């Protein structure tokens, strides 16, 4: 029974990858880049999560949890 479950999980992952707009490596690179940028403005409490889906057009959802904003100096 375990082998059947393992095969089902493997098949699910393959289907998810096939439907994904970006390869997993590319999505991880995007998340790291966004995390680097957001860390300049916030003290991040958790890793940035990116979800990309296709619904006619691409929908990119970014989730970032921050403990507080970082001070920003504004020059006028």
PDB file of N, CA and C in Angstrom:
ATOM      1  N   UNK A   1       0.813  -1.187   0.000  1.00  0.00           N
ATOM      2  CA  UNK A   1       0.000   0.000   0.000  1.00  0.00           C
ATOM      3  C   UNK A   1       0.864   1.261   0.000  1.00  0.00           C
ATOM      4  N   UNK A   2       1.982   1.220   0.717  1.00  0.00           N
ATOM      5  CA  UNK A   2       2.869   2.384   0.783  1.00  0.00           C
ATOM      6  C   UNK A   2       3.401   2.740  -0.600  1.00  0.00           C
ATOM      7  N   UNK A   3       3.735   1.737  -1.384  1.00  0.00           N
ATOM      8  CA  UNK A   3       4.267   1.983  -2.728  1.00  0.00           C
ATOM      9  C   UNK A   3       3.232   2.701  -3.598  1.00  0.00           C
ATOM     10  N   UNK A   4       1.974   2.317  -3.471  1.00  0.00           N
ATOM     11  CA  UNK A   4       0.897   2.954  -4.211  1.00  0.00           C
ATOM     12  C   UNK A   4       0.773   4.420  -3.801  1.00  0.00           C
ATOM     13  N   UNK A   5       0.864   4.698  -2.522  1.00  0.00           N
ATOM     14  CA  UNK A   5       0.802   6.072  -2.016  1.00  0.00           C
ATOM     15  C   UNK A   5       1.987   6.880  -2.531  1.00  0.00           C
ATOM     16  N   UNK A   6       3.183   6.316  -2.482  1.00  0.00           N
ATOM     17  CA  UNK A   6       4.377   7.001  -2.987  1.00  0.00           C
ATOM     18  C   UNK A   6       4.225   7.340  -4.469  1.00  0.00           C
ATOM     19  N   UNK A   7       3.708   6.403  -5.247  1.00  0.00           N
ATOM     20  CA  UNK A   7       3.509   6.653  -6.681  1.00  0.00           C
ATOM     21  C   UNK A   7       2.474   7.741  -6.913  1.00  0.00           C
ATOM     22  N   UNK A   8       1.428   7.772  -6.114  1.00  0.00           N
ATOM     23  CA  UNK A   8       0.398   8.812  -6.257  1.00  0.00           C
ATOM     24  C   UNK A   8       0.976  10.184  -5.938  1.00  0.00           C
ATOM     25  N   UNK A   9       1.781  10.266  -4.897  1.00  0.00           N
ATOM     26  CA  UNK A   9       2.408  11.541  -4.521  1.00  0.00           C
ATOM     27  C   UNK A   9       3.359  11.989  -5.626  1.00  0.00           C
ATOM     28  N   UNK A  10       4.148  11.084  -6.149  1.00  0.00           N
ATOM     29  CA  UNK A  10       5.081  11.397  -7.234  1.00  0.00           C
ATOM     30  C   UNK A  10       4.318  11.890  -8.464  1.00  0.00           C
ATOM     31  N   UNK A  11       3.225  11.233  -8.816  1.00  0.00           N
ATOM     32  CA  UNK A  11       2.414  11.646  -9.968  1.00  0.00           C
ATOM     33  C   UNK A  11       1.821  13.032  -9.743  1.00  0.00           C
ATOM     34  N   UNK A  12       1.380  13.316  -8.533  1.00  0.00           N
ATOM     35  CA  UNK A  12       0.821  14.635  -8.208  1.00  0.00           C
ATOM     36  C   UNK A  12       1.875  15.718  -8.406  1.00  0.00           C
ATOM     37  N   UNK A  13       3.104  15.470  -7.933  1.00  0.00           N
ATOM     38  CA  UNK A  13       4.186  16.446  -8.089  1.00  0.00           C
ATOM     39  C   UNK A  13       4.512  16.684  -9.560  1.00  0.00           C
ATOM     40  N   UNK A  14       4.520  15.641 -10.348  1.00  0.00           N
ATOM     41  CA  UNK A  14       4.797  15.785 -11.788  1.00  0.00           C
ATOM     42  C   UNK A  14       3.729  16.645 -12.448  1.00  0.00           C
ATOM     43  N   UNK A  15       2.468  16.388 -12.130  1.00  0.00           N
ATOM     44  CA  UNK A  15       1.376  17.177 -12.716  1.00  0.00           C
ATOM     45  C   UNK A  15       1.437  18.639 -12.270  1.00  0.00           C
ATOM     46  N   UNK A  16       1.801  18.875 -11.018  1.00  0.00           N
ATOM     47  CA  UNK A  16       1.927  20.255 -10.540  1.00  0.00           C
ATOM     48  C   UNK A  16       3.049  20.980 -11.270  1.00  0.00           C
ATOM     49  N   UNK A  17       4.170  20.297 -11.483  1.00  0.00           N
ATOM     50  CA  UNK A  17       5.295  20.911 -12.198  1.00  0.00           C
ATOM     51  C   UNK A  17       4.940  21.221 -13.632  1.00  0.00           C
ATOM     52  N   UNK A  18       4.217  20.320 -14.275  1.00  0.00           N
ATOM     53  CA  UNK A  18       3.820  20.517 -15.673  1.00  0.00           C
ATOM     54  C   UNK A  18       2.907  21.729 -15.827  1.00  0.00           C
ATOM     55  N   UNK A  19       2.053  21.969 -14.833  1.00  0.00           N
ATOM     56  CA  UNK A  19       1.127  23.096 -14.905  1.00  0.00           C
ATOM     57  C   UNK A  19       1.714  24.393 -14.382  1.00  0.00           C
ATOM     58  N   UNK A  20       2.885  24.333 -13.763  1.00  0.00           N
ATOM     59  CA  UNK A  20       3.503  25.529 -13.186  1.00  0.00           C
ATOM     60  C   UNK A  20       4.073  26.417 -14.289  1.00  0.00           C
ATOM     61  N   UNK A  21       3.838  27.725 -14.188  1.00  0.00           N
ATOM     62  CA  UNK A  21       4.348  28.645 -15.207  1.00  0.00           C
ATOM     63  C   UNK A  21       5.875  28.777 -15.201  1.00  0.00           C
ATOM     64  N   UNK A  22       6.509  28.587 -14.031  1.00  0.00           N
ATOM     65  CA  UNK A  22       7.968  28.686 -13.923  1.00  0.00           C
ATOM     66  C   UNK A  22       8.522  27.396 -13.340  1.00  0.00           C
ATOM     67  N   UNK A  23       9.716  27.025 -13.765  1.00  0.00           N
ATOM     68  CA  UNK A  23      10.360  25.868 -13.130  1.00  0.00           C
ATOM     69  C   UNK A  23      10.618  26.174 -11.643  1.00  0.00           C
ATOM     70  N   UNK A  24      10.662  25.153 -10.789  1.00  0.00           N
ATOM     71  CA  UNK A  24      10.872  25.376  -9.352  1.00  0.00           C
ATOM     72  C   UNK A  24      12.128  26.190  -9.034  1.00  0.00           C
ATOM     73  N   UNK A  25      13.229  25.963  -9.775  1.00  0.00           N
ATOM     74  CA  UNK A  25      14.461  26.718  -9.524  1.00  0.00           C
ATOM     75  C   UNK A  25      14.250  28.201  -9.762  1.00  0.00           C
ATOM     76  N   UNK A  26      13.527  28.524 -10.813  1.00  0.00           N
ATOM     77  CA  UNK A  26      13.255  29.922 -11.156  1.00  0.00           C
ATOM     78  C   UNK A  26      12.369  30.570 -10.088  1.00  0.00           C
ATOM     79  N   UNK A  27      11.379  29.837  -9.625  1.00  0.00           N
ATOM     80  CA  UNK A  27      10.487  30.358  -8.593  1.00  0.00           C
ATOM     81  C   UNK A  27      11.252  30.610  -7.290  1.00  0.00           C
ATOM     82  N   UNK A  28      12.185  29.730  -6.943  1.00  0.00           N
ATOM     83  CA  UNK A  28      13.005  29.917  -5.745  1.00  0.00           C
ATOM     84  C   UNK A  28      13.915  31.130  -5.893  1.00  0.00           C
ATOM     85  N   UNK A  29      14.468  31.334  -7.086  1.00  0.00           N
ATOM     86  CA  UNK A  29      15.323  32.490  -7.333  1.00  0.00           C
ATOM     87  C   UNK A  29      14.515  33.788  -7.179  1.00  0.00           C
ATOM     88  N   UNK A  30      13.292  33.792  -7.704  1.00  0.00           N
ATOM     89  CA  UNK A  30      12.409  34.952  -7.579  1.00  0.00           C
ATOM     90  C   UNK A  30      12.121  35.237  -6.103  1.00  0.00           C
ATOM     91  N   UNK A  31      11.822  34.206  -5.329  1.00  0.00           N
ATOM     92  CA  UNK A  31      11.539  34.379  -3.899  1.00  0.00           C
ATOM     93  C   UNK A  31      12.756  34.949  -3.170  1.00  0.00           C
ATOM     94  N   UNK A  32      13.956  34.470  -3.497  1.00  0.00           N
ATOM     95  CA  UNK A  32      15.182  34.998  -2.857  1.00  0.00           C
ATOM     96  C   UNK A  32      15.401  36.459  -3.211  1.00  0.00           C
ATOM     97  N   UNK A  33      15.187  36.822  -4.479  1.00  0.00           N
ATOM     98  CA  UNK A  33      15.347  38.215  -4.895  1.00  0.00           C
ATOM     99  C   UNK A  33      14.352  39.122  -4.181  1.00  0.00           C
ATOM    100  N   UNK A  34      13.093  38.699  -4.109  1.00  0.00           N
ATOM    101  CA  UNK A  34      12.075  39.493  -3.415  1.00  0.00           C
ATOM    102  C   UNK A  34      12.393  39.618  -1.928  1.00  0.00           C
ATOM    103  N   UNK A  35      12.884  38.544  -1.338  1.00  0.00           N
ATOM    104  CA  UNK A  35      13.253  38.574   0.083  1.00  0.00           C
ATOM    105  C   UNK A  35      14.379  39.576   0.327  1.00  0.00           C
ATOM    106  N   UNK A  36      15.352  39.601  -0.574  1.00  0.00           N
ATOM    107  CA  UNK A  36      16.471  40.544  -0.435  1.00  0.00           C
ATOM    108  C   UNK A  36      15.969  41.988  -0.499  1.00  0.00           C
ATOM    109  N   UNK A  37      15.069  42.274  -1.426  1.00  0.00           N
ATOM    110  CA  UNK A  37      14.537  43.627  -1.573  1.00  0.00           C
ATOM    111  C   UNK A  37      13.682  44.003  -0.365  1.00  0.00           C
ATOM    112  N   UNK A  38      12.767  43.126   0.029  1.00  0.00           N
ATOM    113  CA  UNK A  38      11.878  43.426   1.152  1.00  0.00           C
ATOM    114  C   UNK A  38      12.646  43.572   2.464  1.00  0.00           C
ATOM    115  N   UNK A  39      13.746  42.840   2.616  1.00  0.00           N
ATOM    116  CA  UNK A  39      14.548  42.929   3.837  1.00  0.00           C
ATOM    117  C   UNK A  39      15.190  44.312   3.983  1.00  0.00           C
ATOM    118  N   UNK A  40      15.278  45.074   2.910  1.00  0.00           N
ATOM    119  CA  UNK A  40      15.769  46.445   3.000  1.00  0.00           C
ATOM    120  C   UNK A  40      14.744  47.385   3.616  1.00  0.00           C
ATOM    121  N   UNK A  41      13.491  46.995   3.619  1.00  0.00           N
ATOM    122  CA  UNK A  41      12.405  47.832   4.125  1.00  0.00           C
ATOM    123  C   UNK A  41      11.760  47.292   5.403  1.00  0.00           C
ATOM    124  N   UNK A  42      11.898  45.989   5.653  1.00  0.00           N
ATOM    125  CA  UNK A  42      11.261  45.351   6.802  1.00  0.00           C
ATOM    126  C   UNK A  42      12.210  44.370   7.459  1.00  0.00           C
ATOM    127  N   UNK A  43      11.996  44.130   8.765  1.00  0.00           N
ATOM    128  CA  UNK A  43      12.654  43.016   9.447  1.00  0.00           C
ATOM    129  C   UNK A  43      11.745  41.815   9.235  1.00  0.00           C
ATOM    130  N   UNK A  44      12.149  40.933   8.357  1.00  0.00           N
ATOM    131  CA  UNK A  44      11.310  39.793   7.993  1.00  0.00           C
ATOM    132  C   UNK A  44      11.298  38.746   9.098  1.00  0.00           C
ATOM    133  N   UNK A  45      10.103  38.229   9.384  1.00  0.00           N
ATOM    134  CA  UNK A  45       9.928  37.236  10.435  1.00  0.00           C
ATOM    135  C   UNK A  45       9.890  35.817   9.886  1.00  0.00           C
ATOM    136  N   UNK A  46       9.727  35.672   8.572  1.00  0.00           N
ATOM    137  CA  UNK A  46       9.635  34.351   7.942  1.00  0.00           C
ATOM    138  C   UNK A  46      10.108  34.483   6.495  1.00  0.00           C
ATOM    139  N   UNK A  47      10.475  33.384   5.884  1.00  0.00           N
ATOM    140  CA  UNK A  47      10.871  33.441   4.472  1.00  0.00           C
ATOM    141  C   UNK A  47       9.706  33.904   3.580  1.00  0.00           C
ATOM    142  N   UNK A  48      10.049  34.598   2.508  1.00  0.00           N
ATOM    143  CA  UNK A  48       9.055  35.066   1.544  1.00  0.00           C
ATOM    144  C   UNK A  48       8.519  33.868   0.764  1.00  0.00           C
ATOM    145  N   UNK A  49       7.210  33.841   0.563  1.00  0.00           N
ATOM    146  CA  UNK A  49       6.577  32.777  -0.207  1.00  0.00           C
ATOM    147  C   UNK A  49       6.002  33.376  -1.481  1.00  0.00           C
ATOM    148  N   UNK A  50       6.239  32.717  -2.601  1.00  0.00           N
ATOM    149  CA  UNK A  50       5.731  33.172  -3.895  1.00  0.00           C
ATOM    150  C   UNK A  50       4.862  32.074  -4.488  1.00  0.00           C
ATOM    151  N   UNK A  51       3.706  32.471  -4.997  1.00  0.00           N
ATOM    152  CA  UNK A  51       2.818  31.533  -5.677  1.00  0.00           C
ATOM    153  C   UNK A  51       2.468  32.138  -7.031  1.00  0.00           C
ATOM    154  N   UNK A  52       2.693  31.387  -8.089  1.00  0.00           N
ATOM    155  CA  UNK A  52       2.395  31.858  -9.441  1.00  0.00           C
ATOM    156  C   UNK A  52       1.395  30.898 -10.058  1.00  0.00           C
ATOM    157  N   UNK A  53       0.298  31.460 -10.555  1.00  0.00           N
ATOM    158  CA  UNK A  53      -0.711  30.633 -11.212  1.00  0.00           C
ATOM    159  C   UNK A  53      -1.110  31.283 -12.525  1.00  0.00           C
ATOM    160  N   UNK A  54      -1.751  30.486 -13.358  1.00  0.00           N
ATOM    161  CA  UNK A  54      -2.206  30.966 -14.662  1.00  0.00           C
ATOM    162  C   UNK A  54      -3.719  30.917 -14.694  1.00  0.00           C
ATOM    163  N   UNK A  55      -4.321  32.069 -14.926  1.00  0.00           N
ATOM    164  CA  UNK A  55      -5.773  32.146 -15.066  1.00  0.00           C
ATOM    165  C   UNK A  55      -6.043  33.130 -16.208  1.00  0.00           C
ATOM    166  N   UNK A  56      -5.670  32.736 -17.405  1.00  0.00           N
ATOM    167  CA  UNK A  56      -5.718  33.655 -18.539  1.00  0.00           C
ATOM    168  C   UNK A  56      -4.430  34.459 -18.583  1.00  0.00           C
ATOM    169  N   UNK A  57      -4.157  35.169 -17.482  1.00  0.00           N
ATOM    170  CA  UNK A  57      -2.883  35.868 -17.338  1.00  0.00           C
ATOM    171  C   UNK A  57      -2.193  35.278 -16.106  1.00  0.00           C
ATOM    172  N   UNK A  58      -0.963  35.666 -15.870  1.00  0.00           N
ATOM    173  CA  UNK A  58      -0.243  35.166 -14.706  1.00  0.00           C
ATOM    174  C   UNK A  58      -0.666  35.947 -13.470  1.00  0.00           C
ATOM    175  N   UNK A  59      -0.907  35.235 -12.393  1.00  0.00           N
ATOM    176  CA  UNK A  59      -1.227  35.858 -11.113  1.00  0.00           C
ATOM    177  C   UNK A  59      -0.084  35.513 -10.162  1.00  0.00           C
ATOM    178  N   UNK A  60       0.618  36.545  -9.690  1.00  0.00           N
ATOM    179  CA  UNK A  60       1.762  36.356  -8.806  1.00  0.00           C
ATOM    180  C   UNK A  60       1.360  36.860  -7.419  1.00  0.00           C
ATOM    181  N   UNK A  61       1.403  35.960  -6.448  1.00  0.00           N
ATOM    182  CA  UNK A  61       1.063  36.308  -5.076  1.00  0.00           C
ATOM    183  C   UNK A  61       2.325  36.185  -4.232  1.00  0.00           C
ATOM    184  N   UNK A  62       2.632  37.247  -3.489  1.00  0.00           N
ATOM    185  CA  UNK A  62       3.811  37.257  -2.621  1.00  0.00           C
ATOM    186  C   UNK A  62       3.326  37.395  -1.183  1.00  0.00           C
ATOM    187  N   UNK A  63       3.806  36.510  -0.317  1.00  0.00           N
ATOM    188  CA  UNK A  63       3.466  36.589   1.105  1.00  0.00           C
ATOM    189  C   UNK A  63       4.758  36.795   1.878  1.00  0.00           C
ATOM    190  N   UNK A  64       4.781  37.875   2.660  1.00  0.00           N
ATOM    191  CA  UNK A  64       5.950  38.173   3.484  1.00  0.00           C
ATOM    192  C   UNK A  64       5.465  38.595   4.863  1.00  0.00           C
ATOM    193  N   UNK A  65       6.031  38.004   5.891  1.00  0.00           N
ATOM    194  CA  UNK A  65       5.699  38.359   7.265  1.00  0.00           C
ATOM    195  C   UNK A  65       6.855  39.156   7.848  1.00  0.00           C
ATOM    196  N   UNK A  66       6.523  40.321   8.415  1.00  0.00           N
ATOM    197  CA  UNK A  66       7.551  41.200   8.976  1.00  0.00           C
ATOM    198  C   UNK A  66       7.227  41.517  10.426  1.00  0.00           C
ATOM    199  N   UNK A  67       8.272  41.635  11.242  1.00  0.00           N
ATOM    200  CA  UNK A  67       8.065  41.996  12.642  1.00  0.00           C
ATOM    201  C   UNK A  67       7.955  43.508  12.801  1.00  0.00           C
ATOM    202  N   UNK A  68       8.614  44.260  11.903  1.00  0.00           N
ATOM    203  CA  UNK A  68       8.504  45.723  11.944  1.00  0.00           C
ATOM    204  C   UNK A  68       9.143  46.318  10.696  1.00  0.00           C
ATOM    205  N   UNK A  69       8.770  47.550  10.363  1.00  0.00           N
ATOM    206  CA  UNK A  69       9.416  48.216   9.238  1.00  0.00           C
ATOM    207  C   UNK A  69      10.783  48.753   9.680  1.00  0.00           C
ATOM    208  N   UNK A  70      11.675  48.893   8.728  1.00  0.00           N
ATOM    209  CA  UNK A  70      12.975  49.499   9.019  1.00  0.00           C
ATOM    210  C   UNK A  70      12.840  51.007   8.813  1.00  0.00           C
ATOM    211  N   UNK A  71      13.617  51.785   9.550  1.00  0.00           N
ATOM    212  CA  UNK A  71      13.534  53.229   9.370  1.00  0.00           C
ATOM    213  C   UNK A  71      14.003  53.631   7.972  1.00  0.00           C
ATOM    214  N   UNK A  72      13.277  54.567   7.377  1.00  0.00           N
ATOM    215  CA  UNK A  72      13.639  55.075   6.051  1.00  0.00           C
ATOM    216  C   UNK A  72      13.955  56.543   6.170  1.00  0.00           C
ATOM    217  N   UNK A  73      15.111  56.945   5.675  1.00  0.00           N
ATOM    218  CA  UNK A  73      15.478  58.359   5.688  1.00  0.00           C
ATOM    219  C   UNK A  73      14.952  58.997   4.406  1.00  0.00           C
ATOM    220  N   UNK A  74      14.183  60.059   4.571  1.00  0.00           N
ATOM    221  CA  UNK A  74      13.627  60.773   3.418  1.00  0.00           C
ATOM    222  C   UNK A  74      14.323  62.127   3.329  1.00  0.00           C
ATOM    223  N   UNK A  75      14.933  62.394   2.201  1.00  0.00           N
ATOM    224  CA  UNK A  75      15.618  63.667   1.978  1.00  0.00           C
ATOM    225  C   UNK A  75      14.692  64.547   1.130  1.00  0.00           C
ATOM    226  N   UNK A  76      14.435  65.757   1.595  1.00  0.00           N
ATOM    227  CA  UNK A  76      13.574  66.681   0.858  1.00  0.00           C
ATOM    228  C   UNK A  76      14.349  67.868   0.390  1.00  0.00           C
TER     229      UNK A  76
END
